[in-house]
């Protein structure tokens, strides 16, 4: 079982709203000190909305569900020196006593074990471009189909094959809800050209769908896609051109597997003069705010 502080255990026992937060965005998604400032700000946003933040990570061989201030700073300073833990890695890294940032899939698994129903992240993983040859499909999609956690994100990362990602989500039976949007967002860009299956216009409506999904026997998660704020969004064509160039660089340099996403994100920061980093910060904060609002609505019994 993951390690919970007495305060978090009491909050869950009392039915208070809790929002899980992942840690690979700290260790692998942003450089220091922006990553630490982001982690602190996101937790503050969750608290401002009346929910309890729970940043999940592996720390020296312990699965920690609510990392404290010292742990956040340790993760931020470790950066890429920390391991990157997906679900397949959890057992081995825990036994080895390692420190790691947890991916969307691993965070979902640990949140579910702790009894946390809502999770905010930047973007989910999915089907990578060229997956027909590489078979590179994120474990996030399988975990969404099996862990009862609602994930709030800005869609799938722009570096992915979004139509195929949506197909896999449909196969896994994952409800996909567009929050105040009819188009599936593409992380840095507000739209991908792909429609969302269903739209919700309030946290209470999202909570009602989650409650109905559970009553109908849904065993997996619900995906809520929340577009990056308009002021921070990048033009979709510009993002696509930069991604194509970064993907070509990765292929040339033999970058693949776990190293691929951090490589591509770092190259995009350089290619866009830092604008993708600013968009990343904006969308993570936006998702944390919405996730907290949904958690509050669920805790109040909305949709029950």
C-alpha atoms as a PDB file:
ATOM      1  CA  UNK A   1       0.000   0.000   0.000  1.00  0.00           C
ATOM      2  CA  UNK A   2       1.209   3.552  -0.672  1.00  0.00           C
ATOM      3  CA  UNK A   3       2.239   5.770   2.240  1.00  0.00           C
ATOM      4  CA  UNK A   4      -0.363   8.347   3.355  1.00  0.00           C
ATOM      5  CA  UNK A   5       0.159  11.097   5.891  1.00  0.00           C
ATOM      6  CA  UNK A   6      -2.271  11.144   8.838  1.00  0.00           C
ATOM      7  CA  UNK A   7      -3.768  14.364   7.449  1.00  0.00           C
ATOM      8  CA  UNK A   8      -4.515  12.810   4.058  1.00  0.00           C
ATOM      9  CA  UNK A   9      -5.841   9.633   5.653  1.00  0.00           C
ATOM     10  CA  UNK A  10      -8.219  11.708   7.763  1.00  0.00           C
ATOM     11  CA  UNK A  11      -9.323  13.751   4.726  1.00  0.00           C
ATOM     12  CA  UNK A  12     -10.159  10.620   2.749  1.00  0.00           C
ATOM     13  CA  UNK A  13     -11.941   9.024   5.700  1.00  0.00           C
ATOM     14  CA  UNK A  14     -14.051  12.165   6.097  1.00  0.00           C
ATOM     15  CA  UNK A  15     -14.960  12.213   2.399  1.00  0.00           C
ATOM     16  CA  UNK A  16     -13.208  15.504   1.727  1.00  0.00           C
ATOM     17  CA  UNK A  17     -12.274  16.297  -1.911  1.00  0.00           C
ATOM     18  CA  UNK A  18      -8.749  15.191  -2.815  1.00  0.00           C
ATOM     19  CA  UNK A  19      -6.846  15.682  -6.091  1.00  0.00           C
ATOM     20  CA  UNK A  20      -3.909  13.461  -7.030  1.00  0.00           C
ATOM     21  CA  UNK A  21      -0.978  15.063  -8.877  1.00  0.00           C
ATOM     22  CA  UNK A  22       1.754  13.263 -10.802  1.00  0.00           C
ATOM     23  CA  UNK A  23       5.480  13.791 -10.445  1.00  0.00           C
ATOM     24  CA  UNK A  24       7.110  13.030 -13.798  1.00  0.00           C
ATOM     25  CA  UNK A  25       6.176  16.570 -14.782  1.00  0.00           C
ATOM     26  CA  UNK A  26       8.462  17.621 -11.923  1.00  0.00           C
ATOM     27  CA  UNK A  27      11.321  15.218 -12.632  1.00  0.00           C
ATOM     28  CA  UNK A  28      11.139  14.903 -16.408  1.00  0.00           C
ATOM     29  CA  UNK A  29       8.758  17.562 -17.730  1.00  0.00           C
ATOM     30  CA  UNK A  30      10.366  20.865 -16.754  1.00  0.00           C
ATOM     31  CA  UNK A  31      13.794  22.169 -15.749  1.00  0.00           C
ATOM     32  CA  UNK A  32      14.703  23.385 -12.258  1.00  0.00           C
ATOM     33  CA  UNK A  33      13.608  25.778 -10.750  1.00  0.00           C
ATOM     34  CA  UNK A  34      10.482  26.140 -12.931  1.00  0.00           C
ATOM     35  CA  UNK A  35       9.462  22.602 -11.986  1.00  0.00           C
ATOM     36  CA  UNK A  36       9.517  23.369  -8.258  1.00  0.00           C
ATOM     37  CA  UNK A  37       7.597  26.626  -8.668  1.00  0.00           C
ATOM     38  CA  UNK A  38       5.041  24.791 -10.799  1.00  0.00           C
ATOM     39  CA  UNK A  39       4.598  21.999  -8.229  1.00  0.00           C
ATOM     40  CA  UNK A  40       4.048  24.487  -5.414  1.00  0.00           C
ATOM     41  CA  UNK A  41       1.665  26.615  -7.473  1.00  0.00           C
ATOM     42  CA  UNK A  42      -0.438  23.654  -8.580  1.00  0.00           C
ATOM     43  CA  UNK A  43      -0.859  22.445  -5.004  1.00  0.00           C
ATOM     44  CA  UNK A  44      -1.846  25.975  -3.969  1.00  0.00           C
ATOM     45  CA  UNK A  45      -4.483  26.131  -6.731  1.00  0.00           C
ATOM     46  CA  UNK A  46      -6.037  22.860  -5.547  1.00  0.00           C
ATOM     47  CA  UNK A  47      -6.230  24.209  -1.993  1.00  0.00           C
ATOM     48  CA  UNK A  48      -7.754  27.494  -3.202  1.00  0.00           C
ATOM     49  CA  UNK A  49     -10.636  25.539  -4.728  1.00  0.00           C
ATOM     50  CA  UNK A  50     -11.329  23.737  -1.438  1.00  0.00           C
ATOM     51  CA  UNK A  51      -9.629  20.402  -2.164  1.00  0.00           C
ATOM     52  CA  UNK A  52      -6.590  18.609  -0.748  1.00  0.00           C
ATOM     53  CA  UNK A  53      -3.576  18.145  -3.094  1.00  0.00           C
ATOM     54  CA  UNK A  54      -1.745  14.813  -3.105  1.00  0.00           C
ATOM     55  CA  UNK A  55       1.446  14.736  -5.178  1.00  0.00           C
ATOM     56  CA  UNK A  56       2.408  11.106  -5.795  1.00  0.00           C
ATOM     57  CA  UNK A  57       5.988   9.854  -6.233  1.00  0.00           C
ATOM     58  CA  UNK A  58       8.464   7.169  -5.233  1.00  0.00           C
ATOM     59  CA  UNK A  59      10.897   8.397  -2.595  1.00  0.00           C
ATOM     60  CA  UNK A  60      13.796   6.171  -1.491  1.00  0.00           C
ATOM     61  CA  UNK A  61      11.775   3.005  -1.991  1.00  0.00           C
ATOM     62  CA  UNK A  62       8.438   4.271  -0.644  1.00  0.00           C
ATOM     63  CA  UNK A  63       5.313   5.027  -2.657  1.00  0.00           C
ATOM     64  CA  UNK A  64       4.334   8.423  -1.233  1.00  0.00           C
ATOM     65  CA  UNK A  65       0.860   9.739  -2.016  1.00  0.00           C
ATOM     66  CA  UNK A  66       1.176  13.230  -0.571  1.00  0.00           C
ATOM     67  CA  UNK A  67       4.751  14.423  -0.920  1.00  0.00           C
ATOM     68  CA  UNK A  68       5.603  17.212   1.534  1.00  0.00           C
ATOM     69  CA  UNK A  69       7.512  20.427   0.784  1.00  0.00           C
ATOM     70  CA  UNK A  70      10.922  18.834   1.305  1.00  0.00           C
ATOM     71  CA  UNK A  71      10.019  15.925  -0.958  1.00  0.00           C
ATOM     72  CA  UNK A  72       8.835  18.265  -3.728  1.00  0.00           C
ATOM     73  CA  UNK A  73      12.146  20.120  -3.637  1.00  0.00           C
ATOM     74  CA  UNK A  74      14.079  16.845  -3.654  1.00  0.00           C
ATOM     75  CA  UNK A  75      12.178  15.639  -6.724  1.00  0.00           C
ATOM     76  CA  UNK A  76      12.675  18.971  -8.493  1.00  0.00           C
ATOM     77  CA  UNK A  77      16.419  18.977  -7.866  1.00  0.00           C
ATOM     78  CA  UNK A  78      16.804  15.311  -8.834  1.00  0.00           C
ATOM     79  CA  UNK A  79      15.212  15.978 -12.217  1.00  0.00           C
ATOM     80  CA  UNK A  80      16.300  13.521 -14.885  1.00  0.00           C
ATOM     81  CA  UNK A  81      18.528  11.722 -12.356  1.00  0.00           C
ATOM     82  CA  UNK A  82      15.354  10.283 -10.857  1.00  0.00           C
ATOM     83  CA  UNK A  83      13.800   7.235 -12.457  1.00  0.00           C
ATOM     84  CA  UNK A  84      10.636   7.495 -14.543  1.00  0.00           C
ATOM     85  CA  UNK A  85       8.119   5.027 -13.145  1.00  0.00           C
ATOM     86  CA  UNK A  86       5.277   3.590 -15.171  1.00  0.00           C
ATOM     87  CA  UNK A  87       3.114   0.790 -13.782  1.00  0.00           C
ATOM     88  CA  UNK A  88       5.500  -1.946 -14.925  1.00  0.00           C
ATOM     89  CA  UNK A  89       8.350  -0.304 -12.988  1.00  0.00           C
ATOM     90  CA  UNK A  90       6.716   0.258  -9.605  1.00  0.00           C
ATOM     91  CA  UNK A  91       7.531  -3.058  -7.942  1.00  0.00           C
ATOM     92  CA  UNK A  92      11.161  -3.196  -9.088  1.00  0.00           C
ATOM     93  CA  UNK A  93      11.891   0.435  -8.196  1.00  0.00           C
ATOM     94  CA  UNK A  94      10.302   0.080  -4.764  1.00  0.00           C
ATOM     95  CA  UNK A  95      12.316  -3.040  -3.992  1.00  0.00           C
ATOM     96  CA  UNK A  96      15.490  -1.295  -5.211  1.00  0.00           C
ATOM     97  CA  UNK A  97      14.821   1.693  -2.930  1.00  0.00           C
ATOM     98  CA  UNK A  98      14.739   4.169  -5.799  1.00  0.00           C
ATOM     99  CA  UNK A  99      13.342   7.677  -6.147  1.00  0.00           C
ATOM    100  CA  UNK A 100      11.146   8.217  -9.200  1.00  0.00           C
ATOM    101  CA  UNK A 101       8.612  10.486 -10.791  1.00  0.00           C
ATOM    102  CA  UNK A 102       5.379   8.623 -11.481  1.00  0.00           C
ATOM    103  CA  UNK A 103       3.779   8.742 -14.932  1.00  0.00           C
ATOM    104  CA  UNK A 104       0.049   9.151 -15.508  1.00  0.00           C
ATOM    105  CA  UNK A 105      -0.405   5.363 -15.432  1.00  0.00           C
ATOM    106  CA  UNK A 106       1.604   4.833 -12.241  1.00  0.00           C
ATOM    107  CA  UNK A 107      -0.036   7.807 -10.542  1.00  0.00           C
ATOM    108  CA  UNK A 108      -3.473   6.443 -11.420  1.00  0.00           C
ATOM    109  CA  UNK A 109      -2.572   3.051  -9.967  1.00  0.00           C
ATOM    110  CA  UNK A 110      -1.310   4.507  -6.688  1.00  0.00           C
ATOM    111  CA  UNK A 111      -4.189   6.989  -6.454  1.00  0.00           C
ATOM    112  CA  UNK A 112      -6.674   4.154  -6.867  1.00  0.00           C
ATOM    113  CA  UNK A 113      -4.936   2.146  -4.138  1.00  0.00           C
ATOM    114  CA  UNK A 114      -5.163   5.169  -1.845  1.00  0.00           C
ATOM    115  CA  UNK A 115      -8.831   5.766  -2.654  1.00  0.00           C
ATOM    116  CA  UNK A 116      -8.379   9.052  -4.551  1.00  0.00           C
ATOM    117  CA  UNK A 117     -10.944   9.513  -7.309  1.00  0.00           C
ATOM    118  CA  UNK A 118      -9.682  12.585  -9.219  1.00  0.00           C
ATOM    119  CA  UNK A 119      -6.280  13.260 -10.751  1.00  0.00           C
ATOM    120  CA  UNK A 120      -4.929  16.342 -12.558  1.00  0.00           C
ATOM    121  CA  UNK A 121      -2.084  16.162 -15.052  1.00  0.00           C
ATOM    122  CA  UNK A 122      -0.782  17.972 -18.130  1.00  0.00           C
ATOM    123  CA  UNK A 123      -1.536  15.539 -20.935  1.00  0.00           C
ATOM    124  CA  UNK A 124      -1.942  11.794 -21.216  1.00  0.00           C
ATOM    125  CA  UNK A 125       0.290   9.464 -23.151  1.00  0.00           C
ATOM    126  CA  UNK A 126      -1.191   7.541 -26.036  1.00  0.00           C
ATOM    127  CA  UNK A 127      -0.422   5.920 -29.358  1.00  0.00           C
ATOM    128  CA  UNK A 128       2.882   7.220 -30.706  1.00  0.00           C
ATOM    129  CA  UNK A 129       3.332   8.163 -34.315  1.00  0.00           C
ATOM    130  CA  UNK A 130       4.606   5.163 -36.208  1.00  0.00           C
ATOM    131  CA  UNK A 131       3.165   2.738 -33.634  1.00  0.00           C
ATOM    132  CA  UNK A 132       2.296   0.301 -36.416  1.00  0.00           C
ATOM    133  CA  UNK A 133       6.028  -0.389 -36.650  1.00  0.00           C
ATOM    134  CA  UNK A 134       7.239   0.433 -33.124  1.00  0.00           C
ATOM    135  CA  UNK A 135       4.230  -0.815 -31.066  1.00  0.00           C
ATOM    136  CA  UNK A 136       4.855   2.238 -28.847  1.00  0.00           C
ATOM    137  CA  UNK A 137       1.552   2.712 -27.018  1.00  0.00           C
ATOM    138  CA  UNK A 138       1.476   4.317 -23.589  1.00  0.00           C
ATOM    139  CA  UNK A 139       0.418   2.317 -20.540  1.00  0.00           C
ATOM    140  CA  UNK A 140      -1.741   5.343 -19.661  1.00  0.00           C
ATOM    141  CA  UNK A 141      -4.450   4.021 -21.978  1.00  0.00           C
ATOM    142  CA  UNK A 142      -4.641   0.578 -20.359  1.00  0.00           C
ATOM    143  CA  UNK A 143      -4.641   2.142 -16.894  1.00  0.00           C
ATOM    144  CA  UNK A 144      -7.486   4.455 -17.886  1.00  0.00           C
ATOM    145  CA  UNK A 145      -9.411   1.330 -18.800  1.00  0.00           C
ATOM    146  CA  UNK A 146      -8.811  -0.370 -15.455  1.00  0.00           C
ATOM    147  CA  UNK A 147      -8.311   2.143 -12.601  1.00  0.00           C
ATOM    148  CA  UNK A 148     -11.393   4.020 -11.299  1.00  0.00           C
ATOM    149  CA  UNK A 149      -9.786   7.456 -11.385  1.00  0.00           C
ATOM    150  CA  UNK A 150     -11.008  10.508 -13.301  1.00  0.00           C
ATOM    151  CA  UNK A 151      -8.116  12.151 -15.155  1.00  0.00           C
ATOM    152  CA  UNK A 152      -8.261  15.857 -16.033  1.00  0.00           C
ATOM    153  CA  UNK A 153      -5.802  16.824 -18.775  1.00  0.00           C
ATOM    154  CA  UNK A 154      -5.272  19.040 -21.820  1.00  0.00           C
ATOM    155  CA  UNK A 155      -5.802  16.086 -24.135  1.00  0.00           C
ATOM    156  CA  UNK A 156      -3.051  13.876 -25.498  1.00  0.00           C
ATOM    157  CA  UNK A 157       0.431  15.253 -25.999  1.00  0.00           C
ATOM    158  CA  UNK A 158       0.826  16.846 -29.411  1.00  0.00           C
ATOM    159  CA  UNK A 159       3.655  14.453 -30.269  1.00  0.00           C
ATOM    160  CA  UNK A 160       1.187  11.538 -30.412  1.00  0.00           C
ATOM    161  CA  UNK A 161      -1.182  10.076 -32.996  1.00  0.00           C
ATOM    162  CA  UNK A 162      -4.410  11.510 -31.581  1.00  0.00           C
ATOM    163  CA  UNK A 163      -6.959   9.696 -33.817  1.00  0.00           C
ATOM    164  CA  UNK A 164      -5.436   6.306 -32.913  1.00  0.00           C
ATOM    165  CA  UNK A 165      -5.276   7.310 -29.245  1.00  0.00           C
ATOM    166  CA  UNK A 166      -9.010   8.032 -29.299  1.00  0.00           C
ATOM    167  CA  UNK A 167      -9.661   4.672 -30.952  1.00  0.00           C
ATOM    168  CA  UNK A 168      -7.816   2.838 -28.171  1.00  0.00           C
ATOM    169  CA  UNK A 169      -9.692   4.791 -25.496  1.00  0.00           C
ATOM    170  CA  UNK A 170     -12.963   3.758 -27.140  1.00  0.00           C
ATOM    171  CA  UNK A 171     -11.860   0.123 -27.178  1.00  0.00           C
ATOM    172  CA  UNK A 172     -10.996   0.324 -23.465  1.00  0.00           C
ATOM    173  CA  UNK A 173     -14.458   1.733 -22.702  1.00  0.00           C
ATOM    174  CA  UNK A 174     -13.135   5.043 -21.339  1.00  0.00           C
ATOM    175  CA  UNK A 175     -15.660   7.913 -21.371  1.00  0.00           C
ATOM    176  CA  UNK A 176     -14.026  11.000 -22.930  1.00  0.00           C
ATOM    177  CA  UNK A 177     -15.593  14.310 -21.891  1.00  0.00           C
ATOM    178  CA  UNK A 178     -14.699  17.625 -23.516  1.00  0.00           C
ATOM    179  CA  UNK A 179     -14.877  20.401 -20.928  1.00  0.00           C
ATOM    180  CA  UNK A 180     -16.561  23.340 -22.656  1.00  0.00           C
ATOM    181  CA  UNK A 181     -15.204  22.100 -25.987  1.00  0.00           C
ATOM    182  CA  UNK A 182     -16.439  19.965 -28.868  1.00  0.00           C
ATOM    183  CA  UNK A 183     -12.922  19.284 -30.135  1.00  0.00           C
ATOM    184  CA  UNK A 184     -10.275  17.065 -28.568  1.00  0.00           C
ATOM    185  CA  UNK A 185      -7.415  19.341 -27.473  1.00  0.00           C
ATOM    186  CA  UNK A 186      -3.808  18.676 -28.448  1.00  0.00           C
ATOM    187  CA  UNK A 187      -1.893  19.816 -25.375  1.00  0.00           C
ATOM    188  CA  UNK A 188      -0.121  22.990 -26.613  1.00  0.00           C
ATOM    189  CA  UNK A 189      -2.928  23.653 -29.122  1.00  0.00           C
ATOM    190  CA  UNK A 190      -6.603  24.053 -28.212  1.00  0.00           C
ATOM    191  CA  UNK A 191      -7.781  21.710 -30.938  1.00  0.00           C
ATOM    192  CA  UNK A 192      -6.665  18.655 -32.879  1.00  0.00           C
ATOM    193  CA  UNK A 193      -9.415  18.507 -35.493  1.00  0.00           C
ATOM    194  CA  UNK A 194     -10.846  15.412 -33.770  1.00  0.00           C
ATOM    195  CA  UNK A 195     -14.290  15.667 -32.119  1.00  0.00           C
ATOM    196  CA  UNK A 196     -14.849  14.654 -28.496  1.00  0.00           C
ATOM    197  CA  UNK A 197     -17.552  12.020 -27.962  1.00  0.00           C
ATOM    198  CA  UNK A 198     -19.305  14.053 -25.237  1.00  0.00           C
ATOM    199  CA  UNK A 199     -19.273  17.613 -23.916  1.00  0.00           C
ATOM    200  CA  UNK A 200     -19.752  18.881 -20.343  1.00  0.00           C
ATOM    201  CA  UNK A 201     -20.051  22.555 -19.405  1.00  0.00           C
ATOM    202  CA  UNK A 202     -19.761  22.472 -15.603  1.00  0.00           C
ATOM    203  CA  UNK A 203     -17.880  20.528 -12.897  1.00  0.00           C
ATOM    204  CA  UNK A 204     -21.264  19.356 -11.597  1.00  0.00           C
ATOM    205  CA  UNK A 205     -22.141  17.856 -14.981  1.00  0.00           C
ATOM    206  CA  UNK A 206     -18.796  16.048 -15.066  1.00  0.00           C
ATOM    207  CA  UNK A 207     -19.424  14.731 -11.544  1.00  0.00           C
ATOM    208  CA  UNK A 208     -22.854  13.479 -12.597  1.00  0.00           C
ATOM    209  CA  UNK A 209     -21.323  11.550 -15.545  1.00  0.00           C
ATOM    210  CA  UNK A 210     -18.684  10.031 -13.251  1.00  0.00           C
ATOM    211  CA  UNK A 211     -21.354   8.929 -10.781  1.00  0.00           C
ATOM    212  CA  UNK A 212     -23.468   7.391 -13.562  1.00  0.00           C
ATOM    213  CA  UNK A 213     -20.409   5.619 -15.009  1.00  0.00           C
ATOM    214  CA  UNK A 214     -19.841   3.994 -11.613  1.00  0.00           C
ATOM    215  CA  UNK A 215     -23.526   3.018 -11.212  1.00  0.00           C
ATOM    216  CA  UNK A 216     -23.404   1.358 -14.618  1.00  0.00           C
ATOM    217  CA  UNK A 217     -20.492  -0.800 -13.469  1.00  0.00           C
ATOM    218  CA  UNK A 218     -17.682   1.121 -15.167  1.00  0.00           C
ATOM    219  CA  UNK A 219     -14.477  -0.213 -13.670  1.00  0.00           C
ATOM    220  CA  UNK A 220     -12.031   2.149 -15.348  1.00  0.00           C
ATOM    221  CA  UNK A 221     -11.435   5.851 -15.387  1.00  0.00           C
ATOM    222  CA  UNK A 222     -13.075   8.850 -17.004  1.00  0.00           C
ATOM    223  CA  UNK A 223     -11.021  11.217 -19.163  1.00  0.00           C
ATOM    224  CA  UNK A 224     -11.842  14.928 -18.981  1.00  0.00           C
ATOM    225  CA  UNK A 225     -10.081  17.010 -21.632  1.00  0.00           C
ATOM    226  CA  UNK A 226      -9.681  20.710 -20.850  1.00  0.00           C
ATOM    227  CA  UNK A 227      -8.086  22.913 -23.554  1.00  0.00           C
ATOM    228  CA  UNK A 228      -5.021  25.005 -22.736  1.00  0.00           C
ATOM    229  CA  UNK A 229      -6.067  28.599 -21.903  1.00  0.00           C
ATOM    230  CA  UNK A 230      -6.423  30.618 -25.087  1.00  0.00           C
ATOM    231  CA  UNK A 231      -3.838  33.224 -24.072  1.00  0.00           C
ATOM    232  CA  UNK A 232      -1.147  30.541 -23.748  1.00  0.00           C
ATOM    233  CA  UNK A 233      -2.134  28.322 -26.698  1.00  0.00           C
ATOM    234  CA  UNK A 234       0.135  27.800 -29.706  1.00  0.00           C
ATOM    235  CA  UNK A 235      -0.951  27.622 -33.322  1.00  0.00           C
ATOM    236  CA  UNK A 236      -1.653  24.010 -34.246  1.00  0.00           C
ATOM    237  CA  UNK A 237       0.224  24.210 -37.577  1.00  0.00           C
ATOM    238  CA  UNK A 238       3.314  25.665 -35.899  1.00  0.00           C
ATOM    239  CA  UNK A 239       3.259  22.946 -33.249  1.00  0.00           C
ATOM    240  CA  UNK A 240       2.888  20.259 -35.901  1.00  0.00           C
ATOM    241  CA  UNK A 241       5.869  21.558 -37.877  1.00  0.00           C
ATOM    242  CA  UNK A 242       8.046  21.699 -34.766  1.00  0.00           C
ATOM    243  CA  UNK A 243       6.995  18.191 -33.735  1.00  0.00           C
ATOM    244  CA  UNK A 244       7.819  16.785 -37.167  1.00  0.00           C
ATOM    245  CA  UNK A 245      11.307  18.294 -36.947  1.00  0.00           C
ATOM    246  CA  UNK A 246      11.823  16.998 -33.400  1.00  0.00           C
ATOM    247  CA  UNK A 247      10.614  13.510 -34.321  1.00  0.00           C
ATOM    248  CA  UNK A 248      13.071  13.453 -37.224  1.00  0.00           C
ATOM    249  CA  UNK A 249      15.890  14.440 -34.853  1.00  0.00           C
ATOM    250  CA  UNK A 250      14.913  11.683 -32.434  1.00  0.00           C
ATOM    251  CA  UNK A 251      14.923   9.085 -35.204  1.00  0.00           C
ATOM    252  CA  UNK A 252      18.306  10.312 -36.418  1.00  0.00           C
ATOM    253  CA  UNK A 253      19.792  10.130 -32.917  1.00  0.00           C
ATOM    254  CA  UNK A 254      18.195   6.808 -31.983  1.00  0.00           C
ATOM    255  CA  UNK A 255      16.095   8.265 -29.154  1.00  0.00           C
ATOM    256  CA  UNK A 256      13.221   5.933 -28.247  1.00  0.00           C
ATOM    257  CA  UNK A 257      11.259   4.416 -25.346  1.00  0.00           C
ATOM    258  CA  UNK A 258      11.119   6.342 -22.089  1.00  0.00           C
ATOM    259  CA  UNK A 259      13.664   8.866 -23.341  1.00  0.00           C
ATOM    260  CA  UNK A 260      11.536   9.901 -26.318  1.00  0.00           C
ATOM    261  CA  UNK A 261       8.907  12.119 -24.676  1.00  0.00           C
ATOM    262  CA  UNK A 262      11.379  14.157 -22.546  1.00  0.00           C
ATOM    263  CA  UNK A 263      13.597  14.582 -25.619  1.00  0.00           C
ATOM    264  CA  UNK A 264      10.742  15.813 -27.801  1.00  0.00           C
ATOM    265  CA  UNK A 265       9.399  18.182 -25.153  1.00  0.00           C
ATOM    266  CA  UNK A 266      12.858  19.684 -24.588  1.00  0.00           C
ATOM    267  CA  UNK A 267      13.370  20.178 -28.313  1.00  0.00           C
ATOM    268  CA  UNK A 268       9.977  21.852 -28.619  1.00  0.00           C
ATOM    269  CA  UNK A 269      10.911  24.311 -25.864  1.00  0.00           C
ATOM    270  CA  UNK A 270      14.029  25.259 -27.835  1.00  0.00           C
ATOM    271  CA  UNK A 271      12.258  25.426 -31.195  1.00  0.00           C
ATOM    272  CA  UNK A 272       9.450  27.675 -29.921  1.00  0.00           C
ATOM    273  CA  UNK A 273      11.605  30.015 -27.875  1.00  0.00           C
ATOM    274  CA  UNK A 274      10.190  28.705 -24.607  1.00  0.00           C
ATOM    275  CA  UNK A 275       6.534  29.186 -25.534  1.00  0.00           C
ATOM    276  CA  UNK A 276       5.725  25.486 -25.122  1.00  0.00           C
ATOM    277  CA  UNK A 277       7.062  25.663 -21.558  1.00  0.00           C
ATOM    278  CA  UNK A 278       4.790  28.616 -20.805  1.00  0.00           C
ATOM    279  CA  UNK A 279       1.850  26.773 -22.356  1.00  0.00           C
ATOM    280  CA  UNK A 280       2.694  23.712 -20.276  1.00  0.00           C
ATOM    281  CA  UNK A 281       2.653  25.767 -17.079  1.00  0.00           C
ATOM    282  CA  UNK A 282      -0.663  27.393 -17.989  1.00  0.00           C
ATOM    283  CA  UNK A 283      -2.443  24.177 -18.881  1.00  0.00           C
ATOM    284  CA  UNK A 284      -1.245  22.315 -15.781  1.00  0.00           C
ATOM    285  CA  UNK A 285      -2.599  25.088 -13.547  1.00  0.00           C
ATOM    286  CA  UNK A 286      -5.855  25.152 -15.520  1.00  0.00           C
ATOM    287  CA  UNK A 287      -6.283  21.394 -15.148  1.00  0.00           C
ATOM    288  CA  UNK A 288      -5.548  21.462 -11.419  1.00  0.00           C
ATOM    289  CA  UNK A 289      -8.233  24.095 -10.916  1.00  0.00           C
ATOM    290  CA  UNK A 290     -10.844  22.104 -12.841  1.00  0.00           C
ATOM    291  CA  UNK A 291      -9.894  18.823 -11.150  1.00  0.00           C
ATOM    292  CA  UNK A 292     -10.367  20.425  -7.732  1.00  0.00           C
ATOM    293  CA  UNK A 293     -13.768  21.776  -8.780  1.00  0.00           C
ATOM    294  CA  UNK A 294     -14.810  18.302  -9.947  1.00  0.00           C
ATOM    295  CA  UNK A 295     -13.540  16.708  -6.718  1.00  0.00           C
ATOM    296  CA  UNK A 296     -15.541  19.232  -4.684  1.00  0.00           C
ATOM    297  CA  UNK A 297     -18.660  18.477  -6.745  1.00  0.00           C
ATOM    298  CA  UNK A 298     -18.203  14.736  -6.241  1.00  0.00           C
ATOM    299  CA  UNK A 299     -17.640  15.141  -2.514  1.00  0.00           C
ATOM    300  CA  UNK A 300     -20.807  17.229  -2.196  1.00  0.00           C
ATOM    301  CA  UNK A 301     -22.848  14.427  -3.745  1.00  0.00           C
ATOM    302  CA  UNK A 302     -23.470  16.076  -7.103  1.00  0.00           C
ATOM    303  CA  UNK A 303     -24.737  13.467  -9.536  1.00  0.00           C
ATOM    304  CA  UNK A 304     -25.210  10.829  -6.812  1.00  0.00           C
END
